[in-house]
Protein backbone atom coordinates (compact mmCIF):
# COMPACT_ATOMS: atom_id res chain seq x y z
CA MET A 1 -25.48 18.01 -19.96
CA LEU A 2 -25.41 17.89 -16.18
CA ASP A 3 -26.98 15.13 -14.16
CA MET A 4 -29.49 15.82 -11.37
CA SER A 5 -26.85 15.46 -8.66
CA GLN A 6 -24.88 18.34 -10.18
CA ILE A 7 -28.00 20.40 -10.82
CA ASN A 8 -29.11 19.97 -7.20
CA ASN A 9 -25.65 21.08 -6.03
CA ILE A 10 -26.04 24.25 -8.10
CA ILE A 11 -29.51 24.95 -6.64
CA ASP A 12 -28.27 24.29 -3.10
CA LEU A 13 -25.31 26.64 -3.51
CA LYS A 14 -27.56 29.38 -4.90
CA GLN A 15 -29.91 29.03 -1.94
CA LYS A 16 -26.90 29.40 0.37
CA GLY A 17 -26.13 32.78 -1.18
CA TYR A 18 -23.37 31.94 -3.63
CA ARG A 19 -23.10 34.11 -6.73
CA ASN A 20 -23.35 32.50 -10.17
CA CYS A 21 -19.65 33.04 -10.93
CA GLU A 22 -18.70 31.43 -7.60
CA ILE A 23 -20.92 28.43 -8.32
CA ALA A 24 -19.43 28.10 -11.81
CA LYS A 25 -15.90 28.08 -10.38
CA LYS A 26 -16.81 25.61 -7.66
CA GLU A 27 -18.68 23.21 -9.97
CA LYS A 28 -16.26 23.76 -12.90
CA VAL A 29 -19.00 24.59 -15.41
CA ASP A 30 -19.75 27.63 -17.53
CA VAL A 31 -21.73 30.57 -16.01
CA LYS A 32 -24.26 30.28 -18.85
CA THR A 33 -24.93 26.70 -17.81
CA ILE A 34 -25.53 27.86 -14.22
CA ARG A 35 -28.06 30.45 -15.39
CA LYS A 36 -29.80 27.89 -17.62
CA TYR A 37 -30.49 25.43 -14.81
CA LEU A 38 -31.39 28.09 -12.25
CA LYS A 39 -34.03 29.47 -14.65
CA GLN A 40 -35.48 26.05 -15.42
CA ASP A 41 -38.73 25.58 -13.52
CA ASN A 42 -39.76 22.04 -14.46
CA TYR A 43 -37.63 18.98 -13.79
CA SER A 44 -40.36 16.37 -14.04
CA PRO A 45 -39.51 13.28 -16.12
CA LYS A 46 -40.45 13.21 -19.79
CA PRO A 47 -41.12 10.05 -21.78
CA PRO A 48 -38.19 9.32 -24.14
CA ILE A 49 -40.27 9.30 -27.29
CA VAL A 50 -38.28 9.48 -30.51
CA ALA A 51 -40.15 9.97 -33.78
CA MET A 52 -39.01 7.37 -36.29
CA ARG A 53 -38.75 8.68 -39.83
CA PRO A 54 -37.72 6.76 -42.93
CA SER A 55 -34.18 7.44 -44.11
CA ASN A 56 -32.28 6.99 -47.35
CA LEU A 57 -29.76 5.07 -45.26
CA ASP A 58 -32.16 2.33 -44.06
CA ALA A 59 -31.31 -0.04 -46.90
CA TYR A 60 -27.58 0.23 -46.13
CA LYS A 61 -27.58 -0.10 -42.33
CA GLY A 62 -27.01 -3.86 -42.42
CA ILE A 63 -23.89 -3.30 -44.57
CA ILE A 64 -22.61 -0.64 -42.15
CA HIS A 65 -23.15 -2.92 -39.16
CA GLY A 66 -21.15 -5.65 -40.88
CA TRP A 67 -18.22 -3.30 -41.44
CA LEU A 68 -18.31 -2.09 -37.83
CA ALA A 69 -18.43 -5.67 -36.52
CA GLU A 70 -15.33 -6.48 -38.57
CA ASP A 71 -13.64 -3.36 -37.12
CA LYS A 72 -13.77 -4.84 -33.62
CA LYS A 73 -11.29 -7.52 -34.65
CA HIS A 74 -8.68 -4.98 -35.73
CA TRP A 75 -6.51 -2.18 -34.39
CA HIS A 76 -8.55 0.86 -33.36
CA LYS A 77 -6.53 3.15 -35.65
CA GLN A 78 -7.79 1.21 -38.67
CA HIS A 79 -11.52 1.40 -37.88
CA HIS A 80 -14.06 2.92 -40.26
CA THR A 81 -14.78 6.61 -39.89
CA ALA A 82 -18.03 8.18 -41.03
CA VAL A 83 -16.19 9.61 -44.06
CA ARG A 84 -14.79 6.22 -45.03
CA ILE A 85 -18.19 4.55 -44.66
CA PHE A 86 -19.79 7.25 -46.84
CA LYS A 87 -17.16 6.80 -49.58
CA ARG A 88 -17.49 2.99 -49.56
CA LEU A 89 -21.28 3.19 -49.75
CA VAL A 90 -21.04 5.51 -52.77
CA GLU A 91 -18.29 3.58 -54.54
CA GLU A 92 -19.38 0.01 -53.78
CA HIS A 93 -23.16 0.19 -53.33
CA GLY A 94 -24.33 3.22 -55.30
CA TYR A 95 -25.56 5.23 -52.26
CA THR A 96 -27.09 8.55 -53.37
CA GLY A 97 -27.82 10.14 -50.00
CA SER A 98 -25.80 12.87 -48.31
CA TYR A 99 -22.77 12.51 -46.06
CA ASN A 100 -24.59 14.31 -43.20
CA ILE A 101 -27.10 11.46 -42.91
CA VAL A 102 -24.26 8.94 -42.58
CA GLN A 103 -22.46 11.12 -40.04
CA ARG A 104 -25.57 11.56 -37.86
CA TYR A 105 -26.33 7.85 -37.96
CA MET A 106 -22.76 6.91 -37.01
CA LYS A 107 -22.81 9.29 -34.04
CA LYS A 108 -26.13 7.88 -32.84
CA PHE A 109 -24.97 4.29 -33.34
CA ARG A 110 -21.75 4.81 -31.36
CA ASP A 111 -23.52 6.68 -28.56
CA GLU A 112 -25.97 3.79 -28.17
CA GLU A 113 -23.15 1.23 -28.31
CA LYS A 114 -21.38 2.94 -25.41
CA THR A 115 -24.41 2.58 -23.15
CA THR A 116 -25.53 -0.88 -24.25
CA GLY A 117 -24.02 -3.84 -22.43
CA THR A 118 -24.31 -7.55 -23.02
CA LEU A 119 -27.47 -8.97 -21.46
CA ASP A 120 -27.06 -11.31 -18.52
CA LEU A 121 -26.94 -14.97 -19.52
CA VAL A 122 -26.78 -14.04 -23.21
CA TRP A 123 -23.17 -14.30 -24.30
CA GLU A 124 -21.84 -13.38 -27.70
CA PRO A 125 -18.79 -15.17 -29.16
CA GLY A 126 -15.54 -13.84 -27.74
CA SER A 127 -16.99 -12.67 -24.40
CA ALA A 128 -15.19 -14.03 -21.34
CA GLN A 129 -15.63 -14.37 -17.58
CA VAL A 130 -12.79 -14.29 -15.03
CA ASP A 131 -12.53 -15.66 -11.50
CA PHE A 132 -10.11 -17.25 -9.02
CA GLY A 133 -10.24 -20.69 -7.44
CA GLU A 134 -8.05 -22.58 -4.95
CA ALA A 135 -6.33 -25.93 -5.27
CA GLU A 136 -3.59 -27.82 -3.47
CA ALA A 137 -0.32 -28.73 -5.17
CA TYR A 138 3.10 -30.06 -4.24
CA GLU A 139 5.51 -27.21 -4.94
CA ASN A 140 9.06 -28.59 -4.82
CA GLY A 141 7.78 -31.43 -2.64
CA LYS A 142 5.88 -29.21 -0.17
CA LEU A 143 2.06 -29.32 -0.07
CA VAL A 144 0.73 -25.76 -0.52
CA ARG A 145 -2.59 -24.10 -1.29
CA LEU A 146 -2.36 -22.11 -4.53
CA LYS A 147 -4.75 -19.80 -6.39
CA PHE A 148 -5.66 -20.43 -10.00
CA LEU A 149 -6.98 -17.75 -12.32
CA THR A 150 -9.62 -19.09 -14.70
CA VAL A 151 -10.88 -17.44 -17.89
CA SER A 152 -13.97 -19.08 -19.43
CA PHE A 153 -15.80 -18.40 -22.68
CA PRO A 154 -19.56 -18.91 -22.03
CA TYR A 155 -20.44 -19.12 -25.72
CA SER A 156 -18.33 -22.24 -26.30
CA ASN A 157 -17.83 -23.35 -22.66
CA ASP A 158 -14.06 -23.57 -23.18
CA GLY A 159 -11.68 -22.15 -20.60
CA PHE A 160 -8.10 -21.76 -19.35
CA SER A 161 -6.45 -21.71 -15.91
CA GLN A 162 -3.13 -20.43 -14.56
CA PHE A 163 -1.58 -20.98 -11.09
CA PHE A 164 -0.50 -18.10 -8.85
CA ARG A 165 0.34 -17.68 -5.17
CA GLY A 166 -1.96 -14.68 -4.74
CA GLU A 167 -4.88 -12.75 -6.23
CA THR A 168 -3.22 -9.37 -6.80
CA ALA A 169 -3.63 -7.12 -9.82
CA GLU A 170 -0.19 -8.31 -10.98
CA CYS A 171 -1.40 -11.93 -10.92
CA VAL A 172 -4.62 -11.14 -12.81
CA CYS A 173 -2.87 -9.10 -15.50
CA GLN A 174 -0.06 -11.63 -15.95
CA GLY A 175 -2.52 -14.50 -16.25
CA LEU A 176 -4.69 -12.62 -18.75
CA LYS A 177 -1.67 -11.58 -20.81
CA ASP A 178 -0.41 -15.17 -21.03
CA ILE A 179 -3.86 -16.46 -22.03
CA PHE A 180 -4.34 -13.69 -24.62
CA GLU A 181 -1.01 -14.59 -26.23
CA TYR A 182 -1.86 -18.31 -26.19
CA ILE A 183 -5.25 -17.91 -27.92
CA GLY A 184 -3.97 -15.18 -30.23
CA GLY A 185 -6.36 -12.34 -29.40
CA THR A 186 -8.18 -10.28 -26.78
CA PRO A 187 -11.83 -10.83 -25.71
CA PRO A 188 -13.84 -7.67 -26.43
CA LEU A 189 -15.75 -8.02 -23.13
CA MET A 190 -14.58 -9.52 -19.83
CA VAL A 191 -16.68 -9.93 -16.69
CA PHE A 192 -14.86 -9.91 -13.33
CA ASP A 193 -15.80 -10.78 -9.78
CA ASN A 194 -16.23 -7.78 -7.50
CA ALA A 195 -13.63 -9.14 -5.07
CA THR A 196 -10.66 -9.50 -7.44
CA GLY A 197 -7.58 -7.39 -6.84
CA ILE A 198 -8.00 -5.34 -10.01
CA GLY A 199 -10.92 -3.19 -8.89
CA ARG A 200 -14.42 -3.25 -7.53
CA ARG A 201 -17.90 -1.90 -8.07
CA VAL A 202 -19.36 0.44 -5.43
CA GLY A 203 -22.88 1.31 -6.46
CA GLU A 204 -22.58 2.56 -10.02
CA ALA A 205 -18.94 3.62 -9.63
CA ILE A 206 -16.11 1.35 -10.79
CA HIS A 207 -12.75 1.75 -9.06
CA GLU A 208 -9.93 0.06 -10.99
CA SER A 209 -6.36 -0.39 -9.80
CA GLU A 210 -3.70 1.66 -11.57
CA LEU A 211 -2.02 -1.39 -13.12
CA PHE A 212 -5.28 -2.91 -14.39
CA GLY A 213 -6.39 0.42 -15.81
CA ARG A 214 -3.19 0.58 -17.84
CA PHE A 215 -3.54 -3.07 -18.85
CA ARG A 216 -7.13 -2.56 -20.04
CA GLY A 217 -6.14 0.57 -21.94
CA HIS A 218 -3.34 -1.36 -23.63
CA TYR A 219 -5.53 -4.28 -24.74
CA ARG A 220 -8.68 -2.13 -25.21
CA PHE A 221 -11.26 -4.60 -23.92
CA GLN A 222 -14.38 -3.66 -21.98
CA ALA A 223 -14.48 -4.70 -18.32
CA ARG A 224 -17.65 -5.32 -16.34
CA PHE A 225 -17.71 -6.00 -12.60
CA CYS A 226 -20.41 -8.11 -11.00
CA ASN A 227 -22.59 -6.71 -8.29
CA PRO A 228 -21.58 -7.77 -4.76
CA HIS A 229 -22.94 -11.22 -3.78
CA ALA A 230 -24.19 -11.81 -7.34
CA GLY A 231 -22.19 -14.82 -8.46
CA TYR A 232 -24.94 -15.84 -10.89
CA GLU A 233 -23.77 -12.97 -13.12
CA LYS A 234 -20.69 -15.06 -13.94
CA GLY A 235 -22.01 -18.55 -13.36
CA ASN A 236 -20.12 -20.06 -16.29
CA VAL A 237 -16.68 -19.32 -14.90
CA GLU A 238 -17.69 -20.45 -11.40
CA ARG A 239 -18.67 -23.83 -12.83
CA LYS A 240 -15.44 -23.87 -14.83
CA VAL A 241 -13.41 -23.27 -11.66
CA GLY A 242 -15.01 -26.33 -10.05
CA TYR A 243 -14.61 -28.43 -13.19
CA ASN A 244 -10.89 -27.59 -13.54
CA ARG A 245 -10.23 -28.28 -9.87
CA SER A 246 -11.80 -31.73 -10.15
CA ASN A 247 -10.35 -32.67 -13.54
CA LEU A 248 -7.08 -30.83 -14.07
CA PHE A 249 -5.80 -30.90 -10.48
CA VAL A 250 -6.75 -34.43 -9.44
CA PRO A 251 -4.50 -36.16 -8.54
CA VAL A 252 -2.73 -33.29 -6.77
CA PRO A 253 -0.13 -31.94 -9.24
CA HIS A 254 3.61 -31.75 -8.54
CA ILE A 255 5.15 -28.41 -9.53
CA GLN A 256 8.81 -27.48 -9.72
CA GLN A 257 8.38 -23.96 -11.09
CA ILE A 258 4.98 -22.26 -11.42
CA GLU A 259 5.70 -20.31 -14.60
CA SER A 260 6.90 -23.44 -16.42
CA TYR A 261 3.89 -25.44 -15.18
CA ASN A 262 1.52 -22.70 -16.36
CA ARG A 263 2.83 -23.01 -19.91
CA VAL A 264 2.04 -26.73 -19.87
CA LEU A 265 -1.34 -26.02 -18.27
CA MET A 266 -2.48 -23.99 -21.30
CA ASP A 267 -2.79 -27.13 -23.44
CA ARG A 268 -4.89 -28.92 -20.82
CA HIS A 269 -8.02 -27.10 -22.07
CA LYS A 270 -8.01 -29.51 -25.03
CA LYS A 271 -9.31 -32.25 -22.74
CA LYS A 272 -12.59 -30.36 -22.29
CA SER A 273 -12.74 -28.96 -25.83
CA GLY A 274 -13.14 -32.45 -27.28
CA GLU A 275 -16.52 -32.86 -25.52
CA LEU A 276 -19.93 -31.77 -26.81
CA HIS A 277 -21.46 -28.54 -25.54
CA TYR A 278 -24.00 -29.41 -22.84
CA LYS A 279 -26.74 -27.39 -24.51
CA LYS A 280 -25.84 -26.76 -28.16
CA GLY A 281 -24.84 -30.32 -29.01
CA LEU A 282 -21.74 -29.23 -30.97
CA PRO A 283 -18.09 -29.92 -30.09
CA ILE A 284 -16.70 -27.23 -27.78
CA SER A 285 -13.65 -26.96 -30.05
CA VAL A 286 -15.90 -25.99 -33.00
CA LEU A 287 -17.76 -23.37 -30.97
CA PHE A 288 -14.47 -22.02 -29.60
CA GLN A 289 -13.39 -21.22 -33.17
CA GLU A 290 -16.29 -18.75 -33.25
CA ASP A 291 -14.92 -17.26 -30.03
CA ILE A 292 -11.52 -16.96 -31.70
CA GLN A 293 -13.01 -15.22 -34.74
CA ALA A 294 -14.62 -12.60 -32.48
CA LEU A 295 -11.39 -11.72 -30.63
CA MET A 296 -9.64 -8.39 -31.12
CA VAL A 297 -6.11 -8.42 -32.48
CA LEU A 298 -3.25 -8.26 -29.97
CA PRO A 299 -1.35 -4.97 -29.55
CA THR A 300 1.89 -4.70 -31.48
CA LYS A 301 3.83 -3.80 -28.33
CA GLU A 302 4.14 -6.10 -25.31
CA PHE A 303 2.66 -4.98 -22.00
CA ASN A 304 5.05 -4.96 -19.04
CA VAL A 305 3.06 -6.47 -16.15
CA CYS A 306 4.87 -4.71 -13.33
CA ARG A 307 3.93 -2.21 -10.63
CA TYR A 308 6.74 0.15 -9.68
CA ASP A 309 7.06 1.68 -6.24
CA ARG A 310 9.67 3.48 -4.16
CA ILE A 311 10.09 1.88 -0.76
CA THR A 312 12.38 2.96 2.05
CA ALA A 313 14.77 0.16 3.05
CA ASP A 314 15.39 -0.65 6.71
CA GLY A 315 18.77 -0.59 8.45
CA TYR A 316 19.68 -3.95 6.91
CA GLY A 317 19.01 -2.69 3.38
CA LYS A 318 15.74 -4.67 3.06
CA VAL A 319 12.41 -3.48 1.70
CA CYS A 320 9.08 -4.69 3.08
CA LEU A 321 6.04 -5.59 0.96
CA ASP A 322 2.54 -6.38 2.23
CA GLY A 323 3.65 -5.57 5.77
CA LYS A 324 5.45 -8.89 6.34
CA HIS A 325 7.66 -9.91 3.42
CA TYR A 326 11.25 -8.58 3.44
CA TYR A 327 13.54 -8.58 0.39
CA SER A 328 17.23 -7.66 0.39
CA THR A 329 18.60 -4.82 -1.75
CA CYS A 330 22.20 -3.62 -1.28
CA PRO A 331 23.88 -2.54 1.97
CA GLU A 332 24.39 1.00 0.67
CA TYR A 333 20.60 1.31 0.29
CA ALA A 334 20.04 1.05 4.05
CA ARG A 335 17.44 3.64 5.14
CA GLN A 336 17.29 4.93 1.54
CA GLN A 337 14.42 4.90 -0.93
CA VAL A 338 14.70 1.97 -3.34
CA LEU A 339 13.00 1.50 -6.71
CA VAL A 340 11.12 -1.81 -6.63
CA GLY A 341 9.39 -3.61 -9.51
CA ILE A 342 6.52 -5.74 -8.19
CA ARG A 343 5.46 -8.60 -10.48
CA ALA A 344 3.18 -11.63 -10.13
CA HIS A 345 5.99 -14.10 -9.40
CA TRP A 346 9.03 -11.87 -8.78
CA VAL A 347 10.17 -8.74 -6.97
CA ASP A 348 12.88 -6.79 -8.80
CA ILE A 349 15.28 -4.45 -7.03
CA LEU A 350 16.31 -1.75 -9.50
CA THR A 351 18.87 1.02 -9.85
CA GLU A 352 17.69 4.57 -10.43
CA GLY A 353 18.37 3.93 -14.11
CA GLY A 354 15.98 0.96 -14.14
CA GLN A 355 18.59 -1.83 -14.30
CA ILE A 356 17.81 -4.93 -12.22
CA ILE A 357 20.20 -5.45 -9.30
CA VAL A 358 18.57 -8.63 -8.03
CA SER A 359 15.25 -10.49 -8.45
CA HIS A 360 13.57 -12.33 -5.57
CA GLU A 361 10.75 -14.83 -5.77
CA ARG A 362 7.63 -13.05 -4.49
CA MET A 363 6.08 -14.33 -1.27
CA TYR A 364 2.34 -14.38 -0.52
CA CYS A 365 2.01 -16.42 2.71
CA ASP A 366 0.47 -15.02 5.89
CA THR A 367 3.63 -15.45 7.98
CA ARG A 368 6.69 -13.21 7.89
CA THR A 369 9.36 -14.04 5.34
CA ASP A 370 12.89 -12.70 5.02
CA ILE A 371 14.68 -13.26 1.71
CA SER A 372 18.32 -12.36 1.20
CA ASP A 373 20.53 -12.35 -1.84
CA TYR A 374 24.02 -13.84 -1.52
CA ARG A 375 25.65 -10.70 -2.87
CA THR A 376 23.88 -8.47 -0.37
CA SER A 377 24.71 -10.72 2.60
CA LEU A 378 28.36 -11.03 1.56
CA ALA A 379 28.75 -7.28 1.14
CA MET A 380 27.37 -6.76 4.64
CA LEU A 381 29.58 -9.47 6.15
CA LEU A 382 32.66 -7.91 4.59
CA ARG A 383 31.90 -4.82 6.68
CA ASN A 384 31.26 -6.85 9.82
CA SER A 385 32.81 -10.31 9.67
CA GLY A 386 31.99 -10.82 13.35
CA ALA A 387 28.37 -11.39 12.34
CA TRP A 388 29.32 -14.58 10.44
CA ASN A 389 28.28 -16.99 13.20
CA ASN A 390 24.73 -15.63 13.31
CA SER A 391 24.24 -14.92 9.62
CA GLY A 392 21.72 -16.59 7.37
CA LEU A 393 24.48 -17.05 4.79
CA ARG A 394 26.41 -19.35 7.17
CA LYS A 395 23.36 -21.67 7.34
CA GLN A 396 23.38 -21.97 3.53
CA THR A 397 27.11 -22.74 3.35
CA PRO A 398 28.06 -26.44 2.87
CA GLU A 399 29.08 -28.11 6.14
CA PRO A 400 32.80 -28.78 5.34
CA LEU A 401 33.38 -25.19 4.21
CA LYS A 402 31.35 -23.84 7.13
CA ALA A 403 33.51 -25.80 9.60
CA TYR A 404 36.69 -24.54 7.90
CA MET A 405 35.57 -20.89 8.08
CA ASP A 406 34.35 -21.23 11.68
CA GLU A 407 37.90 -22.19 12.72
CA GLN A 408 39.57 -19.17 11.11
CA PRO A 409 40.70 -16.08 13.06
CA LYS A 410 38.90 -12.84 12.30
CA ALA A 411 41.38 -11.53 9.75
CA ARG A 412 41.54 -14.85 7.89
CA LEU A 413 37.73 -15.19 8.00
CA LYS A 414 37.36 -11.79 6.38
CA ASP A 415 39.80 -12.91 3.67
CA CYS A 416 37.64 -16.01 3.02
CA LEU A 417 34.55 -13.84 2.78
CA ARG A 418 36.32 -11.57 0.30
CA ILE A 419 37.21 -14.60 -1.84
CA MET A 420 33.63 -15.84 -1.61
CA ASN A 421 32.29 -12.43 -2.63
CA GLU A 422 34.59 -12.07 -5.66
CA LEU A 423 33.94 -15.61 -6.88
CA THR A 424 30.18 -15.22 -6.42
CA ASN A 425 30.16 -12.02 -8.48
CA GLN A 426 32.15 -13.71 -11.25
CA TYR A 427 30.97 -17.33 -11.24
CA GLY A 428 27.80 -17.44 -9.13
CA TRP A 429 27.15 -18.63 -5.59
CA THR A 430 26.98 -22.37 -6.30
CA ALA A 431 30.30 -22.49 -8.16
CA ALA A 432 31.98 -20.21 -5.59
CA VAL A 433 31.15 -22.30 -2.52
CA LYS A 434 31.91 -25.56 -4.37
CA ALA A 435 35.34 -24.27 -5.38
CA MET A 436 36.08 -23.01 -1.86
CA GLU A 437 34.87 -26.31 -0.40
CA MET A 438 37.31 -28.25 -2.63
CA ALA A 439 40.14 -25.86 -1.74
CA ALA A 440 39.40 -26.21 1.99
CA ASP A 441 39.44 -30.00 1.61
CA ARG A 442 42.99 -29.67 0.30
CA GLY A 443 44.03 -27.72 3.38
CA GLU A 444 43.81 -24.02 2.51
CA VAL A 445 41.46 -21.59 0.73
CA ASN A 446 43.29 -19.04 -1.39
CA MET A 447 42.12 -16.88 -4.25
CA CYS A 448 44.32 -18.43 -6.97
CA ASP A 449 43.32 -22.06 -6.37
CA ALA A 450 39.65 -21.26 -5.73
CA ALA A 451 39.39 -19.11 -8.88
CA VAL A 452 40.84 -21.89 -11.06
CA LEU A 453 38.45 -24.43 -9.56
CA ALA A 454 35.43 -22.10 -10.00
CA ALA A 455 36.40 -21.47 -13.62
CA ARG A 456 36.59 -25.22 -14.28
CA ILE A 457 33.25 -25.85 -12.53
CA THR A 458 31.45 -23.27 -14.68
CA GLY A 459 33.46 -24.10 -17.79
CA TYR A 460 34.01 -27.64 -18.99
CA GLY A 461 33.36 -29.29 -15.63
CA ILE A 462 35.53 -30.17 -12.68
CA ASP A 463 35.68 -33.88 -13.54
CA THR A 464 36.40 -33.38 -17.24
CA PRO A 465 40.11 -33.86 -18.06
CA PRO A 466 41.74 -30.83 -19.66
CA ASP A 467 42.28 -30.73 -23.41
CA PRO A 468 45.69 -32.32 -24.14
CA GLY A 469 46.42 -29.60 -26.69
CA PRO A 470 48.57 -29.93 -29.81
CA PRO A 471 51.42 -32.50 -29.94
CA LEU A 472 54.84 -31.16 -28.92
CA THR A 473 56.99 -33.51 -31.02
CA ILE A 474 57.57 -30.73 -33.53
CA TYR A 475 59.73 -28.97 -30.96
CA ASP A 476 61.83 -32.13 -30.52
CA GLU A 477 62.50 -32.18 -34.25
CA VAL A 478 63.52 -28.48 -34.28
CA PHE A 479 65.87 -28.72 -31.33
CA PHE A 480 67.17 -32.28 -31.60
CA GLY A 481 66.41 -33.27 -35.18
CA THR A 482 65.37 -36.74 -34.05
CA GLY A 483 61.60 -36.51 -33.60
CA GLY A 484 62.18 -37.58 -29.98
CA VAL A 485 63.98 -36.53 -26.84
CA SER A 486 67.77 -36.82 -27.10
CA ALA A 487 69.67 -39.04 -24.72
């Protein structure tokens, strides 16, 4: 059935002289449909009056609704069909009506369910609201302003928060995934702010981002977006954002690594769940169990929260995200298209086969950033050792080793860079520069000494004495027959 916008398009095209077959092709509908609406001469509204007749199924509808409610907690491939409902009614409840009645009722029920949303301010167990807030934190000793994603459950007034540096679709999906896995299920309905990075409502049309669309299809929950400037439609989560900022993030938290802190943050909801619900007078933890019971089961396969893109690297082999954040790839990728995996906390540089070459911490600040990987910088310096003095890698090199390398002639400097590159690939940057620093302190950096030192650093430790090994007195007995060294 066409809506009035489509019907009016058909009428307008006909009045402009288009033939029916041309209109059908243009509007992508059947010619018979075109003729039907062009012949119709009355489009005035009609009252939606439906005659209600008694049915043999009336006594069993409550049973059917119970089965369908239970279905929502389970995998969609194991939901009741009309055939299965008919067989269960006959076998378990002695239903004597026909299958056609059951089939028609199921179709009507599901059609109505598709168009019926949850009423504002009336929240069923399991429904959730989502929004972002801001809070300050000390990240590795530096005071920064972070975003925190909050998911609240209006029925119980419980909620969860997770820190991020931005409000992108990757952040939203990663936060939701982590919360779903923590609580052990997926809310059947989630209400989002119109300004989040996952999509927005424009009139009646909903425009979702590609990643969020895939995420929602994977977890199979319904998403509803608030109208612009209508925060009251998700008032519970807005209050929860303020509550968490005042209670969970005061005093200002100290964070070493956001992902690790977020795992600890999950348990902080227990502080609120021990209180009584402000209106229902029951413990929030008790009401939240009803939320848990209403959740859908998690998918059997894990969702990969990553947006993939092909980005052309600049002359230095770096790709740019968000117009101001640069991440190194490999020198051979200069001015080539690079496969990039964009996550909430990380940016992965990938081969064409999908293997990760290097992962960079993702930046969200408003100023330009330029992040290099040691391997990329070393590979470039091996091609042009003259750039050593102005390289970012030189600034990260320990002072004694830096001074040693600054004094070397060009050929010897290139040899040092080669040693640094090989040791970094085998033992990592930290062990490589530490080994070279110790070798330089002894007077000369060469591959043999530096490799042994790097192996000890990454093995049993540079300060740990070597294993003495087995006793050698047995050889004295064989050769001298005395159990000791002969005079």
